[in-house]
Amino acid sequence: MEFFKPGVTYDFFKYRWPFIFTSIGLCVLSLVSLFIPGPKFGIDFKGGTEIELAFTGDITPAELRKTVVELGFEQPDVIAVQDVKNRFILRLPQISSLPKAQIESAKQKLDQGLGGTKLVELSASPGGDKLSVQLTAAADVEQISTALSSAGLNVRLVSPFGNSQDFRYEVQLIGIGDKLVHGLAQKLAGRAPEKPLRVEWVGPKAGAQLRDAAIKSIIYAVAFIMVYVAFRFDLRFAPGGVVALAHDALITLGVYVVLQKEVTLGTIAAVLTVIGYSINDTIVVYDRIRENMGRMRDSSLAHLINVSTSQTLGRTVITSGVAMISILGFFFWGTPLIRDIVFALMIGFTVGTYSSIYVAAPLTEWMDRKFFRKA
């Protein structure tokens, strides 16, 4: 399949400066947007609780959001589940974390309220909805529940678990999901669910660790790709490839921030995919430039870039077009989370194709003219 006439050389290099200045402007704006207004992190990174609910009667997202705010939960994100009527995902910035003082109080109450049985260990889940209790001997679950309730904990269920010789007990506390469902039952009588379908949480500390790991993953990917390009070709090609990768990742994140879309682990996965796609397209152009260097020894690198880019243009258009078509269905009919990921991919694929021609190649020519041609 030929979209462009074979043997025709397009002068891409002639128009490089308008595109280079456009790229610099977009990168500066993207960099500024990371600080003002700053990214809107999802609960993956800032911590919070995600609850899935199935209502028994009709309810709109606006009514549900208003009701949740009236129950005292601030800044709820309400997402309607596609193709399932009256099912919603709620994302709340709150978690049921237990303060240290309350945990210490619970330890004292257990030591004092179980007769001769003493506490060996008490640990709380980061989400604050479960406790693990180990005692020196078996104890009545009602006694454990009463002792913990006297420490101010809202106990829902106490049950033994593990080996019977370990005297371990799992304590389930009334968490955000239970409080939310109870409040909805009072506000939306006859339509509220009896219990949540799913409750997931991420603590602030875990969220910060995930955020740091996500940033490191992008930095490591760019660094190893730079080493690969330097070994695969030579040093003059590596900076162009790496700058193009940083250009694509930065603009993709910048668009996300400007539109105030939620940055999640899925977004980072999309950015890493964009980096892989971008370097693949850049390598194809670089490979053809290197081949033509041996065939056209008397030509300048600028002319070689024009020839090589023209020769690979059909392949680039087909590859980019097929990639776009393959993800368009997810963008129109996918869930909100999938649509956000596909949106990042669409931006990245477009910018990645463009950067191979007007970011990586011109920088390689500048490196060759400035440092390598004299040598």
Protein backbone atom coordinates (compact mmCIF):
# COMPACT_ATOMS: atom_id res chain seq x y z
CA MET A 1 0.00 0.00 0.00
CA GLU A 2 1.53 3.32 -1.14
CA PHE A 3 0.22 6.64 0.20
CA PHE A 4 3.15 8.61 -1.19
CA LYS A 5 4.78 8.36 -4.61
CA PRO A 6 8.07 6.40 -4.43
CA GLY A 7 11.24 8.34 -5.22
CA VAL A 8 9.83 11.74 -4.22
CA THR A 9 11.85 13.62 -1.59
CA TYR A 10 9.98 16.10 0.60
CA ASP A 11 11.95 18.99 2.11
CA PHE A 12 11.02 18.49 5.77
CA PHE A 13 14.17 20.19 6.92
CA LYS A 14 13.26 23.49 5.27
CA TYR A 15 10.35 24.02 7.69
CA ARG A 16 12.05 22.78 10.84
CA TRP A 17 12.29 26.10 12.72
CA PRO A 18 8.54 26.88 13.02
CA PHE A 19 7.98 23.34 14.32
CA ILE A 20 10.96 23.51 16.67
CA PHE A 21 9.72 26.78 18.21
CA THR A 22 6.21 25.29 18.49
CA SER A 23 7.65 22.30 20.35
CA ILE A 24 9.66 24.53 22.69
CA GLY A 25 6.54 26.57 23.44
CA LEU A 26 4.43 23.48 24.13
CA CYS A 27 7.13 22.01 26.39
CA VAL A 28 7.43 25.26 28.37
CA LEU A 29 3.65 25.48 28.80
CA SER A 30 3.51 21.82 29.85
CA LEU A 31 6.32 22.32 32.36
CA VAL A 32 4.61 25.39 33.84
CA SER A 33 1.28 23.52 34.06
CA LEU A 34 2.91 20.88 36.28
CA PHE A 35 3.28 23.63 38.92
CA ILE A 36 0.33 25.91 38.05
CA PRO A 37 -2.35 24.55 38.36
CA GLY A 38 -0.49 21.28 39.02
CA PRO A 39 -1.59 17.70 38.30
CA LYS A 40 -4.86 16.37 39.61
CA PHE A 41 -3.68 13.12 41.21
CA GLY A 42 -6.08 10.21 41.58
CA ILE A 43 -6.40 8.15 44.74
CA ASP A 44 -3.56 5.93 43.46
CA PHE A 45 -1.16 8.76 44.30
CA LYS A 46 -2.78 10.99 46.92
CA GLY A 47 -4.58 8.29 48.91
CA GLY A 48 -8.29 7.77 49.36
CA THR A 49 -11.12 5.27 49.10
CA GLU A 50 -12.84 3.85 46.03
CA ILE A 51 -16.32 2.36 46.54
CA GLU A 52 -18.51 0.64 43.95
CA LEU A 53 -22.25 0.74 44.59
CA ALA A 54 -25.26 -0.80 42.83
CA PHE A 55 -28.50 1.10 43.54
CA THR A 56 -31.90 -0.59 43.46
CA GLY A 57 -33.68 2.46 42.04
CA ASP A 58 -32.99 5.20 39.50
CA ILE A 59 -30.52 7.90 40.55
CA THR A 60 -28.49 10.46 38.58
CA PRO A 61 -24.78 11.20 39.13
CA ALA A 62 -25.65 14.78 40.15
CA GLU A 63 -28.14 13.60 42.81
CA LEU A 64 -25.67 11.02 44.15
CA ARG A 65 -22.85 13.59 44.33
CA LYS A 66 -25.09 16.04 46.19
CA THR A 67 -26.20 13.35 48.65
CA VAL A 68 -22.63 12.21 49.35
CA VAL A 69 -21.56 15.82 50.07
CA GLU A 70 -24.51 16.24 52.44
CA LEU A 71 -23.27 13.17 54.34
CA GLY A 72 -20.00 14.98 55.05
CA PHE A 73 -17.72 13.46 52.38
CA GLU A 74 -15.82 16.23 50.59
CA GLN A 75 -14.85 16.34 46.90
CA PRO A 76 -16.40 13.03 45.77
CA ASP A 77 -15.79 11.83 42.22
CA VAL A 78 -18.87 10.06 40.89
CA ILE A 79 -18.36 7.79 37.87
CA ALA A 80 -21.30 6.01 36.23
CA VAL A 81 -20.44 2.45 35.17
CA GLN A 82 -21.09 2.12 31.46
CA ASP A 83 -23.83 -0.27 30.25
CA VAL A 84 -24.93 -1.08 33.82
CA LYS A 85 -27.89 0.93 35.05
CA ASN A 86 -27.65 2.62 38.45
CA ARG A 87 -24.15 1.39 39.21
CA PHE A 88 -21.55 3.95 40.25
CA ILE A 89 -17.93 4.17 41.40
CA LEU A 90 -17.30 6.74 44.14
CA ARG A 91 -13.79 8.06 44.77
CA LEU A 92 -13.34 9.81 48.09
CA PRO A 93 -10.15 11.51 49.35
CA GLN A 94 -10.81 10.20 52.89
CA ILE A 95 -9.58 6.93 54.43
CA SER A 96 -10.50 5.25 57.74
CA SER A 97 -7.05 5.65 59.25
CA LEU A 98 -6.70 5.18 63.01
CA PRO A 99 -4.60 7.68 65.02
CA LYS A 100 -1.75 6.27 67.10
CA ALA A 101 -3.38 7.46 70.32
CA GLN A 102 -6.48 5.41 69.59
CA ILE A 103 -4.43 2.31 68.80
CA GLU A 104 -2.51 2.69 72.08
CA SER A 105 -5.82 3.09 73.93
CA ALA A 106 -7.13 -0.09 72.29
CA LYS A 107 -4.04 -1.99 73.47
CA GLN A 108 -4.57 -0.83 77.06
CA LYS A 109 -8.27 -1.72 77.02
CA LEU A 110 -7.52 -5.22 75.71
CA ASP A 111 -4.88 -5.77 78.41
CA GLN A 112 -7.28 -4.62 81.12
CA GLY A 113 -10.58 -6.03 79.87
CA LEU A 114 -9.80 -9.70 79.19
CA GLY A 115 -9.06 -10.94 82.71
CA GLY A 116 -5.90 -13.03 82.82
CA THR A 117 -5.52 -13.02 79.04
CA LYS A 118 -2.96 -10.52 77.82
CA LEU A 119 -2.32 -8.87 74.49
CA VAL A 120 0.67 -10.11 72.49
CA GLU A 121 0.27 -7.96 69.38
CA LEU A 122 -2.19 -5.52 67.83
CA SER A 123 -1.75 -4.14 64.30
CA ALA A 124 -4.06 -1.98 62.18
CA SER A 125 -4.41 -2.10 58.41
CA PRO A 126 -3.31 1.10 56.63
CA GLY A 127 -6.91 1.58 55.54
CA GLY A 128 -8.05 1.58 59.15
CA ASP A 129 -10.90 -0.87 58.60
CA LYS A 130 -9.29 -3.98 60.14
CA LEU A 131 -7.29 -4.95 63.22
CA SER A 132 -5.20 -8.04 63.80
CA VAL A 133 -5.11 -9.11 67.45
CA GLN A 134 -2.96 -11.84 69.01
CA LEU A 135 -3.51 -12.90 72.63
CA THR A 136 -1.75 -15.17 75.12
CA ALA A 137 -4.85 -17.40 75.37
CA ALA A 138 -8.28 -17.83 73.86
CA ALA A 139 -10.84 -15.13 74.65
CA ASP A 140 -14.53 -14.55 74.07
CA VAL A 141 -15.17 -12.46 70.92
CA GLU A 142 -17.76 -10.40 72.83
CA GLN A 143 -15.16 -9.46 75.41
CA ILE A 144 -12.75 -8.38 72.68
CA SER A 145 -15.49 -6.33 70.99
CA THR A 146 -16.46 -4.65 74.28
CA ALA A 147 -12.84 -3.79 75.15
CA LEU A 148 -12.21 -2.25 71.73
CA SER A 149 -15.52 -0.36 71.78
CA SER A 150 -14.53 1.19 75.11
CA ALA A 151 -11.46 2.59 73.28
CA GLY A 152 -13.77 4.41 70.87
CA LEU A 153 -13.57 1.94 67.98
CA ASN A 154 -16.68 1.11 65.95
CA VAL A 155 -16.47 -2.70 65.88
CA ARG A 156 -18.56 -4.57 63.33
CA LEU A 157 -17.31 -8.15 63.69
CA VAL A 158 -14.68 -10.11 65.63
CA SER A 159 -13.68 -13.56 64.39
CA PRO A 160 -10.79 -15.96 65.08
CA PHE A 161 -8.48 -16.79 62.17
CA GLY A 162 -5.35 -18.77 61.47
CA ASN A 163 -4.04 -21.57 63.66
CA SER A 164 -6.13 -22.09 66.82
CA GLN A 165 -2.90 -22.31 68.86
CA ASP A 166 -1.90 -18.76 67.84
CA PHE A 167 -4.96 -17.16 69.47
CA ARG A 168 -5.32 -14.64 66.66
CA TYR A 169 -8.46 -12.63 65.93
CA GLU A 170 -9.48 -10.41 63.05
CA VAL A 171 -11.51 -7.33 63.99
CA GLN A 172 -13.54 -5.68 61.25
CA LEU A 173 -14.33 -2.05 61.96
CA ILE A 174 -17.06 0.12 60.52
CA GLY A 175 -15.21 1.97 57.78
CA ILE A 176 -16.01 4.62 55.20
CA GLY A 177 -17.90 2.16 53.00
CA ASP A 178 -20.22 1.15 55.85
CA LYS A 179 -20.78 4.77 56.92
CA LEU A 180 -21.53 5.82 53.37
CA VAL A 181 -24.02 3.00 52.75
CA HIS A 182 -25.73 3.66 56.09
CA GLY A 183 -26.05 7.36 55.28
CA LEU A 184 -27.34 6.67 51.77
CA ALA A 185 -29.96 4.29 53.20
CA GLN A 186 -31.30 7.14 55.33
CA LYS A 187 -31.19 9.74 52.56
CA LEU A 188 -32.31 7.54 49.66
CA ALA A 189 -34.82 5.16 51.25
CA GLY A 190 -35.75 2.32 48.91
CA ARG A 191 -33.00 3.03 46.38
CA ALA A 192 -29.77 2.65 48.36
CA PRO A 193 -27.73 -0.60 48.26
CA GLU A 194 -27.53 -2.85 51.32
CA LYS A 195 -23.74 -3.06 51.12
CA PRO A 196 -20.96 -1.90 48.80
CA LEU A 197 -19.91 -4.18 45.95
CA ARG A 198 -16.27 -3.27 46.41
CA VAL A 199 -14.20 -1.08 48.72
CA GLU A 200 -10.55 -0.31 47.96
CA TRP A 201 -8.25 2.17 49.63
CA VAL A 202 -4.79 3.65 49.25
CA GLY A 203 -3.10 5.34 52.20
CA PRO A 204 -1.30 8.69 51.75
CA LYS A 205 2.09 7.09 52.44
CA ALA A 206 1.49 4.31 49.90
CA GLY A 207 0.23 6.91 47.43
CA ALA A 208 3.40 8.96 47.80
CA GLN A 209 5.52 5.84 47.29
CA LEU A 210 3.56 4.97 44.15
CA ARG A 211 4.00 8.52 42.85
CA ASP A 212 7.77 8.40 43.41
CA ALA A 213 7.98 4.97 41.79
CA ALA A 214 6.02 6.23 38.76
CA ILE A 215 8.41 9.17 38.29
CA LYS A 216 11.43 6.88 38.64
CA SER A 217 10.00 4.43 36.09
CA ILE A 218 9.81 7.19 33.46
CA ILE A 219 13.33 8.44 34.25
CA TYR A 220 14.80 4.91 34.11
CA ALA A 221 13.02 4.18 30.82
CA VAL A 222 14.43 7.32 29.19
CA ALA A 223 17.95 6.67 30.56
CA PHE A 224 18.14 3.06 29.32
CA ILE A 225 16.73 4.03 25.92
CA MET A 226 19.47 6.69 25.61
CA VAL A 227 22.13 4.04 26.31
CA TYR A 228 20.51 1.70 23.77
CA VAL A 229 20.43 4.34 21.02
CA ALA A 230 24.07 5.34 21.71
CA PHE A 231 25.21 1.71 21.32
CA ARG A 232 22.86 0.91 18.42
CA PHE A 233 23.96 3.90 16.30
CA ASP A 234 26.47 6.40 17.68
CA LEU A 235 26.58 9.24 20.16
CA ARG A 236 25.27 11.89 17.75
CA PHE A 237 21.90 10.07 17.52
CA ALA A 238 21.30 9.51 21.24
CA PRO A 239 20.49 13.10 22.36
CA GLY A 240 17.88 13.53 19.61
CA GLY A 241 16.11 10.31 20.57
CA VAL A 242 16.10 11.15 24.28
CA VAL A 243 14.94 14.74 23.79
CA ALA A 244 12.12 13.46 21.56
CA LEU A 245 11.07 11.02 24.31
CA ALA A 246 11.08 13.74 26.97
CA HIS A 247 9.19 16.03 24.56
CA ASP A 248 6.45 13.41 24.01
CA ALA A 249 6.06 12.48 27.69
CA LEU A 250 6.04 16.13 28.85
CA ILE A 251 3.43 17.29 26.32
CA THR A 252 1.20 14.29 27.03
CA LEU A 253 1.27 15.00 30.76
CA GLY A 254 0.86 18.74 30.09
CA VAL A 255 -2.37 18.22 28.15
CA TYR A 256 -3.64 16.01 30.98
CA VAL A 257 -2.87 18.69 33.56
CA VAL A 258 -4.32 21.58 31.52
CA LEU A 259 -7.58 19.64 31.02
CA GLN A 260 -7.46 18.65 34.73
CA LYS A 261 -7.82 14.97 33.98
CA GLU A 262 -6.98 12.63 36.82
CA VAL A 263 -3.41 11.31 36.79
CA THR A 264 -3.42 7.66 37.87
CA LEU A 265 -1.22 4.59 37.49
CA GLY A 266 -3.05 4.00 34.19
CA THR A 267 -1.84 7.40 32.98
CA ILE A 268 1.77 6.49 33.81
CA ALA A 269 1.35 3.19 31.95
CA ALA A 270 0.06 5.15 28.95
CA VAL A 271 3.06 7.54 29.09
CA LEU A 272 5.48 4.59 29.20
CA THR A 273 3.66 3.10 26.20
CA VAL A 274 4.01 6.42 24.37
CA ILE A 275 7.76 6.44 25.13
CA GLY A 276 8.09 2.94 23.65
CA TYR A 277 6.07 3.89 20.56
CA SER A 278 8.01 7.13 20.05
CA ILE A 279 11.47 5.53 20.20
CA ASN A 280 10.31 2.78 17.83
CA ASP A 281 9.28 5.36 15.24
CA THR A 282 12.49 7.35 15.78
CA ILE A 283 14.65 4.21 15.42
CA VAL A 284 13.05 3.46 12.03
CA VAL A 285 14.01 6.94 10.75
CA TYR A 286 17.48 6.69 12.30
CA ASP A 287 18.05 3.28 10.74
CA ARG A 288 17.20 4.58 7.28
CA ILE A 289 19.50 7.62 7.79
CA ARG A 290 22.37 5.29 8.69
CA GLU A 291 21.73 3.12 5.61
CA ASN A 292 21.69 6.16 3.35
CA MET A 293 24.93 7.44 4.91
CA GLY A 294 26.70 4.50 3.28
CA ARG A 295 24.95 4.96 -0.08
CA MET A 296 25.12 8.76 -0.34
CA ARG A 297 28.51 9.62 1.14
CA ASP A 298 28.75 13.07 -0.47
CA SER A 299 25.33 14.26 0.78
CA SER A 300 24.83 16.48 3.80
CA LEU A 301 23.05 15.04 6.82
CA ALA A 302 20.18 17.51 6.25
CA HIS A 303 19.61 16.04 2.77
CA LEU A 304 19.93 12.50 4.16
CA ILE A 305 17.24 13.31 6.75
CA ASN A 306 14.88 14.56 4.02
CA VAL A 307 15.48 11.47 1.88
CA SER A 308 15.21 9.02 4.78
CA THR A 309 12.09 10.62 6.25
CA SER A 310 10.41 10.65 2.82
CA GLN A 311 11.25 6.97 2.31
CA THR A 312 9.76 5.96 5.68
CA LEU A 313 6.78 8.35 5.55
CA GLY A 314 4.37 5.75 4.16
CA ARG A 315 5.32 3.26 6.84
CA THR A 316 4.95 5.94 9.54
CA VAL A 317 1.46 6.96 8.37
CA ILE A 318 0.25 3.36 8.17
CA THR A 319 1.67 2.44 11.59
CA SER A 320 0.25 5.53 13.27
CA GLY A 321 -3.10 5.16 11.53
CA VAL A 322 -3.49 1.51 12.50
CA ALA A 323 -2.51 2.30 16.11
CA MET A 324 -5.09 5.10 16.26
CA ILE A 325 -7.86 2.99 14.72
CA SER A 326 -7.17 0.12 17.14
CA ILE A 327 -7.75 2.33 20.21
CA LEU A 328 -10.61 4.52 18.93
CA GLY A 329 -13.20 1.90 19.90
CA PHE A 330 -11.99 1.99 23.51
CA PHE A 331 -12.19 5.79 23.48
CA PHE A 332 -15.84 5.88 22.41
CA TRP A 333 -17.19 2.79 24.19
CA GLY A 334 -14.77 2.13 27.05
CA THR A 335 -15.23 2.92 30.73
CA PRO A 336 -14.15 6.38 31.97
CA LEU A 337 -10.83 4.98 33.24
CA ILE A 338 -10.07 3.29 29.90
CA ARG A 339 -11.10 6.42 27.96
CA ASP A 340 -8.63 8.52 29.96
CA ILE A 341 -5.81 6.06 29.21
CA VAL A 342 -6.70 5.97 25.51
CA PHE A 343 -6.85 9.77 25.46
CA ALA A 344 -3.23 9.87 26.67
CA LEU A 345 -2.24 7.31 24.03
CA MET A 346 -3.90 9.32 21.25
CA ILE A 347 -2.01 12.46 22.24
CA GLY A 348 1.25 10.53 22.65
CA PHE A 349 1.00 8.70 19.31
CA THR A 350 0.34 11.98 17.48
CA VAL A 351 3.16 13.86 19.19
CA GLY A 352 5.49 10.85 18.95
CA THR A 353 5.10 10.64 15.17
CA TYR A 354 5.72 14.36 14.77
CA SER A 355 8.74 14.43 17.13
CA SER A 356 10.61 11.80 15.10
CA ILE A 357 10.65 14.22 12.15
CA TYR A 358 10.91 17.65 13.77
CA VAL A 359 12.63 17.02 17.12
CA ALA A 360 14.91 13.98 16.93
CA ALA A 361 16.17 14.44 13.35
CA PRO A 362 17.00 18.20 13.52
CA LEU A 363 18.82 17.74 16.84
CA THR A 364 20.87 14.90 15.33
CA GLU A 365 21.82 17.15 12.41
CA TRP A 366 22.84 19.91 14.81
CA MET A 367 24.97 17.46 16.85
CA ASP A 368 26.66 16.26 13.66
CA ARG A 369 27.32 19.79 12.37
CA LYS A 370 28.51 21.15 15.72
CA PHE A 371 30.68 18.33 17.08
CA PHE A 372 31.19 15.42 14.67
CA ARG A 373 31.70 16.92 11.24
CA LYS A 374 34.82 18.84 12.31
CA ALA A 375 36.24 15.75 13.99
